C-alpha atoms as a PDB file:
ATOM      1  CA  MET A   1       9.442 -14.986 -18.876  1.00  0.00           C
ATOM      2  CA  SER A   2      10.136 -11.630 -17.660  1.00  0.00           C
ATOM      3  CA  GLY A   3      11.563 -11.237 -14.100  1.00  0.00           C
ATOM      4  CA  TRP A   4       8.791  -8.690 -13.048  1.00  0.00           C
ATOM      5  CA  PRO A   5       7.874  -7.868  -9.940  1.00  0.00           C
ATOM      6  CA  SER A   6      11.248  -8.903  -8.835  1.00  0.00           C
ATOM      7  CA  THR A   7      12.907  -8.851  -5.345  1.00  0.00           C
ATOM      8  CA  ARG A   8      14.001  -5.423  -6.147  1.00  0.00           C
ATOM      9  CA  THR A   9      10.528  -4.439  -6.825  1.00  0.00           C
ATOM     10  CA  TYR A  10       9.463  -5.956  -3.690  1.00  0.00           C
ATOM     11  CA  ALA A  11      11.983  -3.345  -1.621  1.00  0.00           C
ATOM     12  CA  ALA A  12      11.396  -0.592  -2.841  1.00  0.00           C
ATOM     13  CA  LEU A  13       8.011  -0.780  -2.661  1.00  0.00           C
ATOM     14  CA  ALA A  14       8.478  -2.064   0.844  1.00  0.00           C
ATOM     15  CA  ALA A  15      10.452   1.592   1.398  1.00  0.00           C
ATOM     16  CA  VAL A  16       7.776   3.855   0.539  1.00  0.00           C
ATOM     17  CA  GLN A  17       5.343   2.209   2.638  1.00  0.00           C
ATOM     18  CA  ALA A  18       8.017   2.331   5.701  1.00  0.00           C
ATOM     19  CA  GLY A  19       8.459   6.061   4.695  1.00  0.00           C
ATOM     20  CA  ASP A  20       4.330   6.803   4.540  1.00  0.00           C
ATOM     21  CA  ALA A  21       3.903   5.064   7.728  1.00  0.00           C
ATOM     22  CA  VAL A  22       6.512   7.806   8.955  1.00  0.00           C
ATOM     23  CA  ALA A  23       4.612  10.517   7.106  1.00  0.00           C
ATOM     24  CA  CYS A  24       1.308   8.841   8.752  1.00  0.00           C
ATOM     25  CA  ALA A  25       2.578   8.885  12.149  1.00  0.00           C
ATOM     26  CA  ILE A  26       3.927  12.280  12.721  1.00  0.00           C
ATOM     27  CA  PRO A  27       1.221  12.936  11.102  1.00  0.00           C
ATOM     28  CA  VAL A  28       2.140  15.327   7.722  1.00  0.00           C
ATOM     29  CA  ALA A  29      -0.426  17.875   7.302  1.00  0.00           C
ATOM     30  CA  ALA A  30      -0.957  16.687   3.674  1.00  0.00           C
ATOM     31  CA  ILE A  31      -2.015  13.258   5.138  1.00  0.00           C
ATOM     32  CA  GLU A  32      -3.813  14.588   7.833  1.00  0.00           C
ATOM     33  CA  LYS A  33      -6.119  16.856   4.745  1.00  0.00           C
ATOM     34  CA  ALA A  34      -6.568  13.773   2.452  1.00  0.00           C
ATOM     35  CA  PHE A  35      -7.903  11.933   5.938  1.00  0.00           C
ATOM     36  CA  ASP A  36     -10.319  14.815   6.301  1.00  0.00           C
ATOM     37  CA  ASP A  37     -11.483  14.679   2.351  1.00  0.00           C
ATOM     38  CA  VAL A  38     -12.159  10.791   2.739  1.00  0.00           C
ATOM     39  CA  ASP A  39     -14.155  11.393   5.605  1.00  0.00           C
ATOM     40  CA  LEU A  40     -11.300   7.915   7.473  1.00  0.00           C
ATOM     41  CA  ALA A  41     -13.195   8.321  11.461  1.00  0.00           C
ATOM     42  CA  PRO A  42     -10.404  10.345  13.975  1.00  0.00           C
ATOM     43  CA  GLU A  43     -10.453   6.580  15.629  1.00  0.00           C
ATOM     44  CA  LEU A  44      -9.230   4.496  12.913  1.00  0.00           C
ATOM     45  CA  ARG A  45      -6.355   6.776  11.816  1.00  0.00           C
ATOM     46  CA  PRO A  46      -3.706   5.257  14.044  1.00  0.00           C
ATOM     47  CA  LEU A  47      -4.062   2.928  12.853  1.00  0.00           C
ATOM     48  CA  ILE A  48      -2.799   3.761   9.746  1.00  0.00           C
ATOM     49  CA  PRO A  49       0.976   3.723  11.023  1.00  0.00           C
ATOM     50  CA  TYR A  50       1.022  -0.024  12.020  1.00  0.00           C
ATOM     51  CA  VAL A  51      -0.729  -1.191   8.946  1.00  0.00           C
ATOM     52  CA  LYS A  52       1.561   0.400   7.106  1.00  0.00           C
ATOM     53  CA  THR A  53       5.082  -0.739   8.784  1.00  0.00           C
ATOM     54  CA  ALA A  54       2.991  -4.335   8.814  1.00  0.00           C
ATOM     55  CA  SER A  55       2.606  -4.142   5.011  1.00  0.00           C
ATOM     56  CA  ALA A  56       6.644  -2.768   4.796  1.00  0.00           C
ATOM     57  CA  ILE A  57       7.744  -6.411   6.676  1.00  0.00           C
ATOM     58  CA  GLY A  58       5.662  -8.279   4.720  1.00  0.00           C
ATOM     59  CA  LEU A  59       7.201  -6.950   1.444  1.00  0.00           C
ATOM     60  CA  LEU A  60      10.217  -7.073   3.087  1.00  0.00           C
ATOM     61  CA  SER A  61       9.665 -10.972   3.939  1.00  0.00           C
ATOM     62  CA  VAL A  62       9.813 -11.792   0.016  1.00  0.00           C
ATOM     63  CA  TYR A  63      13.433 -12.832   0.219  1.00  0.00           C
ATOM     64  CA  ARG A  64      12.726 -15.649   2.993  1.00  0.00           C
ATOM     65  CA  PHE A  65       8.747 -16.011   2.623  1.00  0.00           C
ATOM     66  CA  PRO A  66       7.676 -15.574  -0.672  1.00  0.00           C
ATOM     67  CA  ARG A  67       4.250 -16.919   0.244  1.00  0.00           C
ATOM     68  CA  LEU A  68       4.302 -14.540   2.991  1.00  0.00           C
ATOM     69  CA  ALA A  69       5.007 -11.307   0.515  1.00  0.00           C
ATOM     70  CA  ARG A  70       2.123 -12.645  -1.928  1.00  0.00           C
ATOM     71  CA  LEU A  71      -0.340 -12.274   0.723  1.00  0.00           C
ATOM     72  CA  THR A  72       0.945  -9.093   1.710  1.00  0.00           C
ATOM     73  CA  THR A  73       0.332  -7.883  -2.248  1.00  0.00           C
ATOM     74  CA  PHE A  74      -3.077  -9.475  -1.857  1.00  0.00           C
ATOM     75  CA  MET A  75      -4.027  -7.536   1.483  1.00  0.00           C
ATOM     76  CA  LEU A  76      -2.666  -4.300   0.448  1.00  0.00           C
ATOM     77  CA  THR A  77      -4.846  -5.083  -2.831  1.00  0.00           C
ATOM     78  CA  VAL A  78      -7.479  -5.272  -0.249  1.00  0.00           C
ATOM     79  CA  TYR A  79      -6.487  -1.816   1.086  1.00  0.00           C
ATOM     80  CA  PHE A  80      -6.772   0.487  -2.038  1.00  0.00           C
ATOM     81  CA  VAL A  81     -10.054  -1.173  -2.785  1.00  0.00           C
ATOM     82  CA  LEU A  82     -10.990   0.262  -0.147  1.00  0.00           C
ATOM     83  CA  ALA A  83      -9.293   2.866  -0.354  1.00  0.00           C
ATOM     84  CA  VAL A  84     -10.495   3.993  -3.715  1.00  0.00           C
ATOM     85  CA  ALA A  85     -14.218   3.358  -2.562  1.00  0.00           C
ATOM     86  CA  PHE A  86     -13.364   6.269   0.508  1.00  0.00           C
ATOM     87  CA  HIS A  87     -12.300   8.993  -2.480  1.00  0.00           C
ATOM     88  CA  VAL A  88     -15.204   7.354  -4.559  1.00  0.00           C
ATOM     89  CA  ARG A  89     -17.833   7.802  -1.668  1.00  0.00           C
ATOM     90  CA  ALA A  90     -16.504  11.220  -0.601  1.00  0.00           C
ATOM     91  CA  ARG A  91     -16.753  12.415  -4.491  1.00  0.00           C
ATOM     92  CA  ASP A  92     -13.038  13.069  -3.636  1.00  0.00           C
ATOM     93  CA  TRP A  93     -11.327  12.758  -7.333  1.00  0.00           C
ATOM     94  CA  SER A  94      -7.534  14.631  -6.090  1.00  0.00           C
ATOM     95  CA  PRO A  95      -4.835  13.258  -7.117  1.00  0.00           C
ATOM     96  CA  GLY A  96      -5.089  10.798  -3.741  1.00  0.00           C
ATOM     97  CA  MET A  97      -7.402   8.768  -5.686  1.00  0.00           C
ATOM     98  CA  VAL A  98      -5.133   8.867  -9.012  1.00  0.00           C
ATOM     99  CA  ALA A  99      -2.254   7.012  -6.391  1.00  0.00           C
ATOM    100  CA  ALA A 100      -4.368   5.020  -4.726  1.00  0.00           C
ATOM    101  CA  SER A 101      -6.051   3.723  -8.356  1.00  0.00           C
ATOM    102  CA  THR A 102      -2.024   3.216  -9.386  1.00  0.00           C
ATOM    103  CA  PHE A 103      -1.433   1.432  -6.410  1.00  0.00           C
ATOM    104  CA  LEU A 104      -4.756  -0.434  -6.761  1.00  0.00           C
ATOM    105  CA  GLY A 105      -4.020  -1.984 -10.153  1.00  0.00           C
ATOM    106  CA  LEU A 106       0.201  -2.378  -9.304  1.00  0.00           C
ATOM    107  CA  TYR A 107      -0.467  -4.397  -5.993  1.00  0.00           C
ATOM    108  CA  GLY A 108      -3.265  -6.726  -8.034  1.00  0.00           C
ATOM    109  CA  ALA A 109      -0.739  -7.526 -10.723  1.00  0.00           C
ATOM    110  CA  MET A 110       2.006  -8.297  -8.296  1.00  0.00           C
ATOM    111  CA  THR A 111      -0.093 -10.353  -6.634  1.00  0.00           C
ATOM    112  CA  VAL A 112      -1.854 -12.932  -9.219  1.00  0.00           C
ATOM    113  CA  ARG A 113       2.136 -12.639 -10.583  1.00  0.00           C
ATOM    114  CA  GLY A 114       3.821 -13.741  -7.744  1.00  0.00           C
ATOM    115  CA  PRO A 115       7.543 -12.642  -6.990  1.00  0.00           C
ATOM    116  CA  GLN A 116       9.980 -13.652  -9.257  1.00  0.00           C
ATOM    117  CA  LEU A 117      12.297 -15.059  -7.476  1.00  0.00           C
ATOM    118  CA  THR A 118      14.830 -15.521  -9.891  1.00  0.00           C
ATOM    119  CA  VAL A 119      16.597 -12.126 -10.787  1.00  0.00           C
END
């Protein structure tokens, strides 16, 4: 039996989400452009850093609350389904859609597998 996804996987993805939360909060020009490209409503944009921060905390919960971490991967799967849908609706076939699709597959697989608590 494979040890994927390990707690290290969750921690690494939490770091990615935390970094993305900071980039969305600043906001970085490339992220603003991506939001513009998919026509994300301006009133929703300030919520994104909070969602990403909460997801980072949820992913890090794998050490004490593995079920919460699994719920977090499920919610991230939903988030990325919506992200891909926004890209498709806007006909935005950019690298952002590739990234969203990749994360959709990754978090979906992690939800199905659940955290492997033995390293």
